[in-house]
């Protein structure tokens, strides 16, 4: 099938058109112009053929969705393509397919058409896949944006800390720096050059020793027209001082600074050399090794895990085969006791296909014993080792312990879904039951009822129905909700549950002992079977 173009027209007016092969604009306009004369109203969907092309169209409200193909194409494939394009248009317009909505979402419709048809040929995609492709939601992009945002936040925090440090430095700076002291206003024209520094309480911000030392360093006398009347007034701090300290020729030019001295400086001033100190320990010491084994625990742990997967039809019947895969995994916690652990099993069900680890003795496995081939293949501590794997397939509907029946109904606003769940095997108990329906934000789902458990919409991508336990006491359930979308966009939905304490494959340990010493070994065994079903795919 070769699709030439797909368009949405209204009474001879073309709203949007997308060409998938090389065509001139005049030819496209000519083909679409001829369609309005050839189309027949009052039918759900039909086709019209000319000498060169075939028009396959479907009315949508007051509009027509038209697909123009060559006459050699398969009419059945043309109709399937037309139905998928109609779903795409309905999904893009969300509520109603009208001229206003089509023009408003023109580019969304064209991008979706490109996902359905490529170079004139239809792609094998579903509506949910098309929505995923057109949304272009990238996990890598979100991760990159999160990293960039964290870097920006870290930079802001560093800038705030730096700003606070600078503010503290500015607050401390006037106390250390010398301000304007006795200036030209305080002295005459022959004032002392050494009095350029300030005295506390006399217009300057420096210390009293600084002013006096700078006076001594100036080397000038106190004569030369000193004007004491124009000097700055005395402060209270200066009144308390008895007088200036005697000046020394070698007085320092900086004021006394309070601070800690290093031990070496103190000893050096006393004429003593500091004793060599031992090197400090490493900042990050090597952490002590975590004990490999807790004596309160059994030296061997066995995990028997299974997973059953299947595809189901809408009415609950198997679509193909259910596949059961499992493994027998051993973790040795105390290597001194369980390095050569052997397991004697109950007779195994031969309907299952078994596969033994290469390090095990296959001859012993034929006698239902799991043991290593030789002592050099002993188990390592805290290293999980899968010893045995199995698989089984079945097309029998009774192979699964539950039945799910989904009843979608088309409404004027979209689709109403009613799901019935029943536990058919009342001898087992399923935990953590999770049923998920895909639903985009545009579908605006509304959950009417969910019994038992609870159902909620995450606001982004799915409706989730959670049931803590499904057993013989409460073995049935119903979920009902509606959404502004077609049934195809709400499928497939998934079913996940866990059965603990038992597996489909009968795997029982009769005895656990040491291969060489033949001593019994205590062990812990956990069994779990996980069901993962997909319905309506």
Protein backbone atom coordinates (compact mmCIF):
# COMPACT_ATOMS: atom_id res chain seq x y z
CA UNK A 1 0.00 0.00 0.00
CA UNK A 2 1.27 3.47 -0.96
CA UNK A 3 -0.50 6.39 0.70
CA UNK A 4 -0.16 9.56 -1.32
CA UNK A 5 -1.70 11.99 1.14
CA UNK A 6 -3.92 12.18 4.22
CA UNK A 7 -6.13 15.20 4.73
CA UNK A 8 -9.04 16.61 6.71
CA UNK A 9 -11.52 18.50 4.55
CA UNK A 10 -14.83 20.28 5.06
CA UNK A 11 -17.19 20.87 2.15
CA UNK A 12 -14.46 21.42 -0.38
CA UNK A 13 -12.19 23.32 2.06
CA UNK A 14 -8.92 21.65 3.01
CA UNK A 15 -8.06 22.17 6.69
CA UNK A 16 -4.83 20.17 6.82
CA UNK A 17 -3.09 17.82 4.39
CA UNK A 18 0.06 15.76 4.74
CA UNK A 19 1.86 14.33 1.69
CA UNK A 20 3.96 11.16 2.06
CA UNK A 21 5.37 11.01 -1.48
CA UNK A 22 6.81 13.70 -3.69
CA UNK A 23 3.89 15.60 -5.20
CA UNK A 24 3.32 19.09 -6.48
CA UNK A 25 0.92 21.40 -4.73
CA UNK A 26 -1.27 21.69 -7.83
CA UNK A 27 -1.72 17.91 -7.96
CA UNK A 28 -2.64 17.72 -4.28
CA UNK A 29 -5.15 20.54 -4.61
CA UNK A 30 -6.59 18.92 -7.72
CA UNK A 31 -7.05 15.53 -6.04
CA UNK A 32 -8.68 17.04 -2.93
CA UNK A 33 -10.83 19.33 -5.05
CA UNK A 34 -12.14 16.37 -7.04
CA UNK A 35 -12.95 14.49 -3.83
CA UNK A 36 -15.74 16.88 -2.81
CA UNK A 37 -17.53 16.07 -6.08
CA UNK A 38 -17.02 12.29 -5.82
CA UNK A 39 -17.76 11.74 -2.10
CA UNK A 40 -21.04 10.29 -0.92
CA UNK A 41 -22.60 11.39 2.37
CA UNK A 42 -24.49 9.37 4.94
CA UNK A 43 -22.04 6.47 5.31
CA UNK A 44 -19.62 5.61 8.10
CA UNK A 45 -16.70 5.07 5.79
CA UNK A 46 -16.40 4.20 2.13
CA UNK A 47 -14.12 4.65 -0.85
CA UNK A 48 -14.20 6.13 -4.32
CA UNK A 49 -11.95 5.11 -7.19
CA UNK A 50 -10.85 7.09 -10.22
CA UNK A 51 -8.62 6.10 -13.08
CA UNK A 52 -5.43 6.74 -11.11
CA UNK A 53 -6.16 6.92 -7.34
CA UNK A 54 -8.49 5.64 -4.63
CA UNK A 55 -10.16 7.84 -2.02
CA UNK A 56 -10.77 6.15 1.33
CA UNK A 57 -12.62 8.45 3.71
CA UNK A 58 -14.58 8.53 6.94
CA UNK A 59 -16.94 11.25 8.16
CA UNK A 60 -15.99 12.80 11.51
CA UNK A 61 -18.70 15.17 12.77
CA UNK A 62 -19.00 17.76 9.99
CA UNK A 63 -15.56 16.93 8.57
CA UNK A 64 -14.14 14.17 6.41
CA UNK A 65 -10.89 12.33 6.98
CA UNK A 66 -9.51 11.36 3.56
CA UNK A 67 -6.69 8.99 2.65
CA UNK A 68 -5.64 9.00 -1.00
CA UNK A 69 -3.81 5.86 -2.19
CA UNK A 70 -2.92 4.28 -5.49
CA UNK A 71 -5.29 1.72 -6.98
CA UNK A 72 -2.84 -1.14 -6.39
CA UNK A 73 -3.10 -0.83 -2.61
CA UNK A 74 -4.94 -3.31 -0.40
CA UNK A 75 -8.37 -1.92 0.51
CA UNK A 76 -8.37 -3.77 3.85
CA UNK A 77 -5.07 -2.19 4.85
CA UNK A 78 -6.41 1.16 3.66
CA UNK A 79 -9.38 0.84 6.01
CA UNK A 80 -7.14 -0.14 8.95
CA UNK A 81 -4.94 2.87 8.27
CA UNK A 82 -8.02 5.08 8.08
CA UNK A 83 -9.33 3.80 11.43
CA UNK A 84 -5.96 4.43 13.12
CA UNK A 85 -5.76 7.94 11.69
CA UNK A 86 -9.30 8.61 12.92
CA UNK A 87 -8.25 7.57 16.44
CA UNK A 88 -5.24 9.87 16.18
CA UNK A 89 -7.40 12.83 15.16
CA UNK A 90 -9.89 12.12 17.95
CA UNK A 91 -7.08 11.92 20.50
CA UNK A 92 -5.43 15.13 19.33
CA UNK A 93 -8.72 17.06 19.36
CA UNK A 94 -9.47 15.54 22.80
CA UNK A 95 -13.19 16.36 23.06
CA UNK A 96 -14.79 17.11 19.71
CA UNK A 97 -13.54 16.94 16.15
CA UNK A 98 -14.43 20.37 14.83
CA UNK A 99 -12.85 22.82 12.44
CA UNK A 100 -11.67 25.00 15.31
CA UNK A 101 -10.02 22.12 17.19
CA UNK A 102 -8.41 20.70 14.05
CA UNK A 103 -6.83 24.05 13.19
CA UNK A 104 -5.79 24.52 16.82
CA UNK A 105 -4.02 21.15 16.96
CA UNK A 106 -2.92 21.07 13.30
CA UNK A 107 0.75 20.44 13.99
CA UNK A 108 0.00 17.75 16.58
CA UNK A 109 -2.16 15.94 14.03
CA UNK A 110 0.50 16.20 11.33
CA UNK A 111 3.23 14.91 13.64
CA UNK A 112 1.00 11.98 14.61
CA UNK A 113 0.28 11.25 10.92
CA UNK A 114 4.05 11.04 10.36
CA UNK A 115 4.29 8.35 13.04
CA UNK A 116 1.52 6.30 11.38
CA UNK A 117 2.74 6.57 7.78
CA UNK A 118 6.36 6.75 6.63
CA UNK A 119 7.25 7.30 2.96
CA UNK A 120 3.77 6.16 1.97
CA UNK A 121 3.77 2.93 3.98
CA UNK A 122 1.98 2.29 7.26
CA UNK A 123 4.09 1.69 10.37
CA UNK A 124 3.24 -1.08 12.83
CA UNK A 125 2.36 1.16 15.78
CA UNK A 126 -0.48 1.56 18.25
CA UNK A 127 -2.16 4.69 19.50
CA UNK A 128 -0.37 4.55 22.85
CA UNK A 129 3.00 4.26 21.09
CA UNK A 130 2.16 7.22 18.86
CA UNK A 131 1.32 9.33 21.92
CA UNK A 132 4.62 8.33 23.52
CA UNK A 133 6.59 9.24 20.39
CA UNK A 134 4.91 12.60 19.89
CA UNK A 135 5.24 13.64 23.53
CA UNK A 136 9.01 13.16 23.16
CA UNK A 137 9.42 12.62 26.88
CA UNK A 138 13.09 11.85 27.52
CA UNK A 139 14.32 10.34 30.77
CA UNK A 140 17.86 11.43 29.93
CA UNK A 141 16.69 15.01 29.43
CA UNK A 142 14.88 15.04 32.77
CA UNK A 143 17.98 13.61 34.46
CA UNK A 144 20.19 16.23 32.80
CA UNK A 145 17.85 19.03 33.88
CA UNK A 146 17.85 17.73 37.45
CA UNK A 147 21.67 17.68 37.49
CA UNK A 148 21.82 21.20 36.06
CA UNK A 149 19.28 22.44 38.62
CA UNK A 150 21.24 20.89 41.48
CA UNK A 151 24.41 22.60 40.22
CA UNK A 152 22.60 25.94 40.10
CA UNK A 153 21.27 25.46 43.63
CA UNK A 154 24.75 24.55 44.87
CA UNK A 155 26.20 27.63 43.19
CA UNK A 156 23.56 29.83 44.87
CA UNK A 157 24.41 28.35 48.27
CA UNK A 158 28.13 28.94 47.72
CA UNK A 159 27.42 32.52 46.63
CA UNK A 160 25.37 33.14 49.79
CA UNK A 161 28.17 31.77 51.99
CA UNK A 162 30.75 33.90 50.19
CA UNK A 163 28.54 36.94 50.56
CA UNK A 164 28.22 36.33 54.31
CA UNK A 165 32.01 35.94 54.64
CA UNK A 166 32.62 39.22 52.80
CA UNK A 167 30.05 40.95 54.99
CA UNK A 168 31.85 39.72 58.12
CA UNK A 169 35.18 40.92 56.73
CA UNK A 170 33.72 44.39 56.05
CA UNK A 171 32.29 44.50 59.57
CA UNK A 172 35.72 43.71 61.07
CA UNK A 173 37.76 45.90 58.73
CA UNK A 174 37.15 49.35 60.40
CA UNK A 175 38.43 47.99 63.73
CA UNK A 176 41.81 47.04 62.27
CA UNK A 177 42.39 49.78 59.69
CA UNK A 178 43.62 53.21 60.71
CA UNK A 179 41.14 55.99 60.05
CA UNK A 180 41.79 59.73 59.61
CA UNK A 181 43.30 61.06 62.87
CA UNK A 182 45.00 64.40 63.40
CA UNK A 183 44.70 66.01 59.97
CA UNK A 184 45.68 69.39 58.67
CA UNK A 185 42.84 70.88 60.68
CA UNK A 186 44.49 69.73 63.92
CA UNK A 187 47.97 71.03 63.13
CA UNK A 188 49.39 74.09 61.61
CA UNK A 189 51.31 74.47 58.40
CA UNK A 190 54.38 73.04 60.10
CA UNK A 191 52.59 70.01 61.44
CA UNK A 192 54.35 66.74 62.19
CA UNK A 193 54.56 64.35 59.21
CA UNK A 194 54.50 61.38 61.56
CA UNK A 195 51.03 62.25 62.84
CA UNK A 196 49.22 61.12 59.70
CA UNK A 197 47.69 58.17 61.57
CA UNK A 198 44.62 58.57 63.73
CA UNK A 199 44.22 58.31 67.48
CA UNK A 200 41.21 56.67 69.01
CA UNK A 201 38.54 59.16 69.93
CA UNK A 202 40.33 61.91 67.92
CA UNK A 203 38.75 61.38 64.55
CA UNK A 204 40.64 58.19 63.68
CA UNK A 205 39.80 54.53 63.91
CA UNK A 206 43.30 53.25 64.83
CA UNK A 207 44.64 52.24 68.23
CA UNK A 208 46.47 54.48 70.66
CA UNK A 209 49.75 52.57 70.23
CA UNK A 210 49.49 52.91 66.46
CA UNK A 211 49.15 56.66 66.65
CA UNK A 212 52.06 56.97 69.04
CA UNK A 213 54.27 54.60 67.12
CA UNK A 214 53.52 56.40 63.90
CA UNK A 215 54.42 59.63 65.72
CA UNK A 216 57.79 58.18 66.62
CA UNK A 217 58.28 56.89 63.12
CA UNK A 218 57.59 60.31 61.65
CA UNK A 219 60.69 61.74 63.25
CA UNK A 220 59.19 65.24 63.48
CA UNK A 221 58.84 67.37 66.58
CA UNK A 222 55.79 68.68 68.26
CA UNK A 223 56.52 72.25 67.29
CA UNK A 224 55.95 74.05 64.09
CA UNK A 225 52.61 75.68 64.60
CA UNK A 226 50.60 72.99 66.34
CA UNK A 227 47.06 74.29 66.82
CA UNK A 228 45.64 72.63 69.92
CA UNK A 229 42.43 74.63 69.71
CA UNK A 230 41.50 72.99 66.41
CA UNK A 231 42.23 69.44 67.59
CA UNK A 232 39.45 66.89 67.86
CA UNK A 233 37.74 66.58 71.27
CA UNK A 234 38.88 63.92 73.74
CA UNK A 235 36.80 60.73 73.91
CA UNK A 236 35.90 58.85 77.07
CA UNK A 237 38.41 56.15 76.21
CA UNK A 238 41.22 58.67 76.13
CA UNK A 239 40.23 60.20 79.42
CA UNK A 240 40.73 56.87 81.13
CA UNK A 241 44.28 56.53 79.71
CA UNK A 242 46.95 57.95 82.00
CA UNK A 243 49.06 59.10 79.10
CA UNK A 244 50.91 57.96 76.08
CA UNK A 245 53.28 55.05 76.45
CA UNK A 246 57.00 55.83 76.17
CA UNK A 247 58.20 55.66 72.61
CA UNK A 248 60.92 53.26 71.57
CA UNK A 249 63.09 53.62 68.52
CA UNK A 250 62.29 50.15 67.31
CA UNK A 251 58.56 50.30 67.91
CA UNK A 252 56.53 48.35 65.38
CA UNK A 253 54.62 50.26 62.78
CA UNK A 254 51.49 48.12 63.14
CA UNK A 255 49.23 47.94 66.13
CA UNK A 256 48.97 45.01 68.48
CA UNK A 257 46.89 42.20 66.94
CA UNK A 258 45.18 39.67 69.16
CA UNK A 259 45.35 36.08 67.99
CA UNK A 260 46.66 32.64 68.75
CA UNK A 261 50.32 31.89 68.32
CA UNK A 262 51.62 28.64 67.13
CA UNK A 263 53.62 26.59 69.65
CA UNK A 264 56.72 26.97 67.50
CA UNK A 265 56.48 30.76 67.61
CA UNK A 266 56.26 30.82 71.42
CA UNK A 267 59.19 28.45 71.85
CA UNK A 268 61.18 30.32 69.23
CA UNK A 269 60.72 33.60 71.08
CA UNK A 270 62.01 31.88 74.22
CA UNK A 271 65.04 30.57 72.39
CA UNK A 272 63.89 26.95 72.45
CA UNK A 273 63.41 24.75 69.42
CA UNK A 274 60.01 22.99 69.22
CA UNK A 275 60.03 19.24 69.61
CA UNK A 276 59.05 17.29 66.50
CA UNK A 277 55.46 16.14 66.75
CA UNK A 278 54.11 12.87 65.44
CA UNK A 279 52.35 12.97 62.08
CA UNK A 280 48.57 13.29 62.48
CA UNK A 281 46.50 10.27 61.74
CA UNK A 282 44.79 10.02 58.38
CA UNK A 283 41.58 12.04 58.18
CA UNK A 284 39.65 9.14 56.83
CA UNK A 285 40.63 5.97 58.59
CA UNK A 286 39.89 2.67 57.03
CA UNK A 287 36.59 1.39 58.37
CA UNK A 288 36.69 -1.94 60.15
CA UNK A 289 35.45 -4.81 58.10
CA UNK A 290 31.80 -5.63 58.62
CA UNK A 291 31.33 -9.05 60.18
CA UNK A 292 30.60 -11.49 57.41
CA UNK A 293 28.29 -13.60 59.50
CA UNK A 294 25.79 -12.98 62.25
CA UNK A 295 25.90 -15.98 64.63
CA UNK A 296 22.18 -15.57 65.34
CA UNK A 297 21.38 -16.37 61.71
CA UNK A 298 21.46 -19.72 59.96
CA UNK A 299 24.67 -20.27 57.98
CA UNK A 300 22.81 -20.95 54.69
CA UNK A 301 19.94 -19.09 53.06
CA UNK A 302 17.91 -20.53 50.17
CA UNK A 303 15.71 -18.39 47.90
CA UNK A 304 13.29 -20.24 45.60
CA UNK A 305 11.81 -17.70 43.20
CA UNK A 306 9.40 -18.05 40.30
CA UNK A 307 7.88 -15.69 37.77
CA UNK A 308 4.82 -16.48 35.65
CA UNK A 309 4.14 -14.25 32.63
CA UNK A 310 1.22 -14.40 30.19
CA UNK A 311 -0.83 -12.36 27.74
CA UNK A 312 -4.60 -12.44 28.15
CA UNK A 313 -7.50 -11.43 25.98
CA UNK A 314 -10.07 -8.88 27.09
CA UNK A 315 -12.48 -11.58 28.25
CA UNK A 316 -9.75 -13.26 30.33
CA UNK A 317 -8.66 -16.19 28.16
CA UNK A 318 -5.00 -16.90 27.47
CA UNK A 319 -3.55 -15.34 24.34
CA UNK A 320 -0.79 -17.82 23.59
CA UNK A 321 1.00 -19.64 26.40
CA UNK A 322 1.74 -18.85 30.01
CA UNK A 323 5.45 -19.18 30.82
CA UNK A 324 6.76 -20.15 34.26
CA UNK A 325 10.47 -19.61 35.00
CA UNK A 326 12.17 -20.15 38.35
CA UNK A 327 15.48 -20.63 40.08
CA UNK A 328 16.96 -22.21 43.23
CA UNK A 329 19.46 -19.74 44.69
CA UNK A 330 21.82 -20.33 47.64
CA UNK A 331 23.68 -17.75 49.73
CA UNK A 332 26.26 -18.99 52.24
CA UNK A 333 26.58 -16.66 55.22
CA UNK A 334 29.09 -18.72 57.22
CA UNK A 335 31.68 -20.29 54.91
CA UNK A 336 33.19 -22.36 57.71
CA UNK A 337 29.96 -24.34 57.98
CA UNK A 338 28.22 -24.06 54.62
CA UNK A 339 30.99 -23.81 52.01
CA UNK A 340 30.17 -27.32 50.74
CA UNK A 341 26.45 -27.43 51.47
CA UNK A 342 24.44 -30.21 49.80
CA UNK A 343 20.69 -30.28 49.34
CA UNK A 344 18.56 -33.39 49.11
CA UNK A 345 15.32 -32.56 47.30
CA UNK A 346 11.97 -34.26 47.04
CA UNK A 347 11.27 -36.04 43.71
CA UNK A 348 10.86 -33.36 41.06
CA UNK A 349 8.00 -32.88 38.63
CA UNK A 350 9.24 -34.00 35.22
CA UNK A 351 6.79 -31.71 33.40
CA UNK A 352 9.22 -28.90 34.11
CA UNK A 353 12.48 -28.49 32.18
CA UNK A 354 15.46 -28.19 34.53
CA UNK A 355 18.91 -26.73 33.97
CA UNK A 356 21.75 -27.33 36.45
CA UNK A 357 24.68 -24.99 37.13
CA UNK A 358 27.92 -26.19 35.46
CA UNK A 359 29.71 -26.36 38.84
CA UNK A 360 27.23 -28.93 40.18
CA UNK A 361 27.36 -32.70 39.88
CA UNK A 362 24.75 -33.61 37.26
CA UNK A 363 24.83 -37.27 38.25
CA UNK A 364 23.83 -36.33 41.77
CA UNK A 365 21.07 -34.13 40.41
CA UNK A 366 19.58 -37.15 38.71
CA UNK A 367 19.19 -38.55 42.24
CA UNK A 368 17.58 -35.27 43.44
CA UNK A 369 20.76 -34.06 45.18
CA UNK A 370 22.37 -30.65 44.59
CA UNK A 371 26.11 -30.70 45.35
CA UNK A 372 29.26 -29.26 43.80
CA UNK A 373 31.44 -31.41 41.54
CA UNK A 374 34.55 -30.99 43.68
CA UNK A 375 35.67 -29.26 46.86
CA UNK A 376 37.49 -26.54 44.91
CA UNK A 377 34.08 -25.33 43.69
CA UNK A 378 32.99 -24.41 47.23
CA UNK A 379 30.57 -21.53 47.76
CA UNK A 380 31.93 -18.11 48.62
CA UNK A 381 30.56 -16.22 51.60
CA UNK A 382 27.77 -13.71 50.91
CA UNK A 383 27.79 -14.48 47.16
CA UNK A 384 24.35 -15.60 45.87
CA UNK A 385 24.70 -18.63 43.57
CA UNK A 386 21.83 -19.91 41.38
CA UNK A 387 22.12 -23.71 41.42
CA UNK A 388 19.04 -24.78 39.48
CA UNK A 389 16.69 -23.17 36.97
CA UNK A 390 13.47 -24.47 35.45
CA UNK A 391 10.80 -23.54 32.93
CA UNK A 392 7.31 -24.66 32.02
CA UNK A 393 4.73 -23.50 29.45
CA UNK A 394 1.01 -24.09 29.35
CA UNK A 395 -1.93 -22.96 27.21
CA UNK A 396 -4.51 -24.03 29.79
CA UNK A 397 -6.57 -21.18 31.27
CA UNK A 398 -6.59 -22.92 34.65
CA UNK A 399 -2.81 -22.48 34.84
CA UNK A 400 -3.37 -18.99 36.27
CA UNK A 401 -5.01 -18.55 39.69
CA UNK A 402 -7.06 -15.51 38.64
CA UNK A 403 -9.42 -14.46 35.87
CA UNK A 404 -9.79 -10.89 34.65
CA UNK A 405 -12.65 -9.73 32.44
CA UNK A 406 -12.59 -6.21 31.01
CA UNK A 407 -15.75 -4.59 29.62
CA UNK A 408 -15.07 -1.32 27.75
CA UNK A 409 -18.08 0.73 26.63
CA UNK A 410 -17.95 3.72 24.30
CA UNK A 411 -19.78 6.78 25.62
CA UNK A 412 -20.36 10.30 24.37
CA UNK A 413 -17.51 11.57 26.56
CA UNK A 414 -15.07 8.76 25.84
CA UNK A 415 -14.91 5.25 27.31
CA UNK A 416 -16.21 3.54 30.42
CA UNK A 417 -14.22 0.57 31.75
CA UNK A 418 -15.56 -2.13 34.08
CA UNK A 419 -13.00 -4.72 35.24
CA UNK A 420 -13.96 -7.90 37.09
CA UNK A 421 -11.33 -9.81 39.08
CA UNK A 422 -11.80 -13.27 40.58
CA UNK A 423 -9.44 -15.61 42.44
CA UNK A 424 -10.21 -19.04 40.94
CA UNK A 425 -7.70 -20.99 43.04
CA UNK A 426 -8.91 -20.44 46.60
CA UNK A 427 -6.06 -22.55 48.03
CA UNK A 428 -3.56 -19.78 47.51
CA UNK A 429 -3.24 -16.17 48.65
CA UNK A 430 -1.97 -13.32 46.48
CA UNK A 431 -0.33 -10.27 48.04
CA UNK A 432 0.51 -6.80 46.73
CA UNK A 433 -1.94 -7.03 43.83
CA UNK A 434 -1.37 -4.11 41.42
CA UNK A 435 -3.50 -3.47 38.31
CA UNK A 436 -2.39 -0.57 36.09
CA UNK A 437 -4.19 1.09 33.15
CA UNK A 438 -2.31 3.54 30.91
CA UNK A 439 -3.99 6.96 30.88
CA UNK A 440 -2.47 10.24 29.73
CA UNK A 441 -3.34 13.63 31.25
CA UNK A 442 -5.63 14.44 28.33
CA UNK A 443 -7.87 11.45 29.12
CA UNK A 444 -8.92 12.96 32.49
CA UNK A 445 -9.95 9.64 34.09
CA UNK A 446 -12.63 9.53 36.76
CA UNK A 447 -12.67 6.51 39.10
CA UNK A 448 -16.23 5.54 40.06
CA UNK A 449 -15.59 2.57 42.36
CA UNK A 450 -12.87 0.13 43.42
CA UNK A 451 -13.62 -2.79 45.70
CA UNK A 452 -11.61 -4.16 47.50
CA UNK A 453 -8.50 -2.03 47.97
CA UNK A 454 -8.17 1.46 46.53
CA UNK A 455 -7.62 2.98 43.09
CA UNK A 456 -6.04 6.31 42.21
CA UNK A 457 -4.72 8.22 39.21
CA UNK A 458 -1.12 9.46 39.46
CA UNK A 459 -1.91 12.51 37.33
CA UNK A 460 0.59 11.62 34.62
CA UNK A 461 0.46 8.21 33.02
CA UNK A 462 -1.56 5.48 34.78
CA UNK A 463 -4.49 4.41 36.92
CA UNK A 464 -3.38 2.06 39.68
CA UNK A 465 -5.65 -0.32 41.62
CA UNK A 466 -3.97 -1.69 44.77
CA UNK A 467 -5.27 -4.71 46.71
CA UNK A 468 -3.17 -5.75 49.75
CA UNK A 469 -4.38 -9.39 49.90
CA UNK A 470 -6.57 -11.50 47.62
CA UNK A 471 -7.57 -14.82 49.22
CA UNK A 472 -10.56 -17.10 49.81
CA UNK A 473 -12.06 -14.62 52.28
CA UNK A 474 -12.03 -11.83 49.70
CA UNK A 475 -11.51 -13.37 46.28
CA UNK A 476 -13.46 -11.05 43.94
CA UNK A 477 -13.21 -7.42 43.01
CA UNK A 478 -14.53 -4.78 40.61
CA UNK A 479 -13.03 -1.58 39.25
CA UNK A 480 -15.07 0.98 37.35
CA UNK A 481 -13.83 4.23 35.81
CA UNK A 482 -14.37 6.48 32.81
CA UNK A 483 -11.95 8.45 30.65
CA UNK A 484 -12.09 10.93 27.78
CA UNK A 485 -10.27 8.58 25.42
CA UNK A 486 -10.98 5.58 23.24
CA UNK A 487 -10.61 2.03 24.54
CA UNK A 488 -7.47 1.38 22.48
CA UNK A 489 -5.53 4.12 24.28
CA UNK A 490 -6.39 2.54 27.66
CA UNK A 491 -4.95 -0.82 26.67
CA UNK A 492 -3.09 -2.97 27.43
CA UNK A 493 -3.34 -2.99 31.21
CA UNK A 494 -1.18 -5.09 33.52
CA UNK A 495 -1.69 -7.34 36.56
CA UNK A 496 1.08 -7.98 39.11
CA UNK A 497 0.88 -10.03 42.31
CA UNK A 498 3.07 -12.14 44.61
CA UNK A 499 2.40 -15.55 46.13
CA UNK A 500 4.62 -16.27 49.13
CA UNK A 501 5.55 -19.58 50.72
CA UNK A 502 4.96 -21.74 47.63
CA UNK A 503 5.82 -22.05 43.95
CA UNK A 504 4.22 -23.60 40.88
CA UNK A 505 7.09 -26.07 40.60
CA UNK A 506 7.09 -28.36 43.67
CA UNK A 507 10.52 -27.66 45.15
CA UNK A 508 10.96 -29.14 48.64
CA UNK A 509 14.25 -29.48 50.57
CA UNK A 510 14.38 -32.72 52.57
CA UNK A 511 17.86 -32.29 54.01
CA UNK A 512 20.86 -29.93 53.99
CA UNK A 513 24.26 -31.30 55.00
CA UNK A 514 28.01 -30.80 54.47
CA UNK A 515 29.39 -32.70 51.48
CA UNK A 516 32.55 -33.93 53.24
CA UNK A 517 31.69 -33.99 56.93
CA UNK A 518 28.09 -35.14 56.37
CA UNK A 519 27.01 -32.89 59.21
CA UNK A 520 23.53 -31.34 59.01
CA UNK A 521 23.50 -27.62 58.24
CA UNK A 522 20.79 -25.26 59.43
CA UNK A 523 19.25 -23.19 56.64
CA UNK A 524 16.52 -20.66 55.96
CA UNK A 525 14.26 -21.10 52.92
CA UNK A 526 12.09 -18.38 51.35
CA UNK A 527 9.71 -19.09 48.48
CA UNK A 528 7.90 -16.60 46.27
CA UNK A 529 6.04 -16.72 42.96
CA UNK A 530 5.45 -13.48 41.04
CA UNK A 531 2.62 -13.16 38.50
CA UNK A 532 3.02 -10.61 35.71
CA UNK A 533 0.11 -10.55 33.25
CA UNK A 534 -0.70 -8.27 30.33
CA UNK A 535 -4.29 -7.95 29.17
CA UNK A 536 -5.62 -6.59 25.89
CA UNK A 537 -2.31 -6.24 24.08
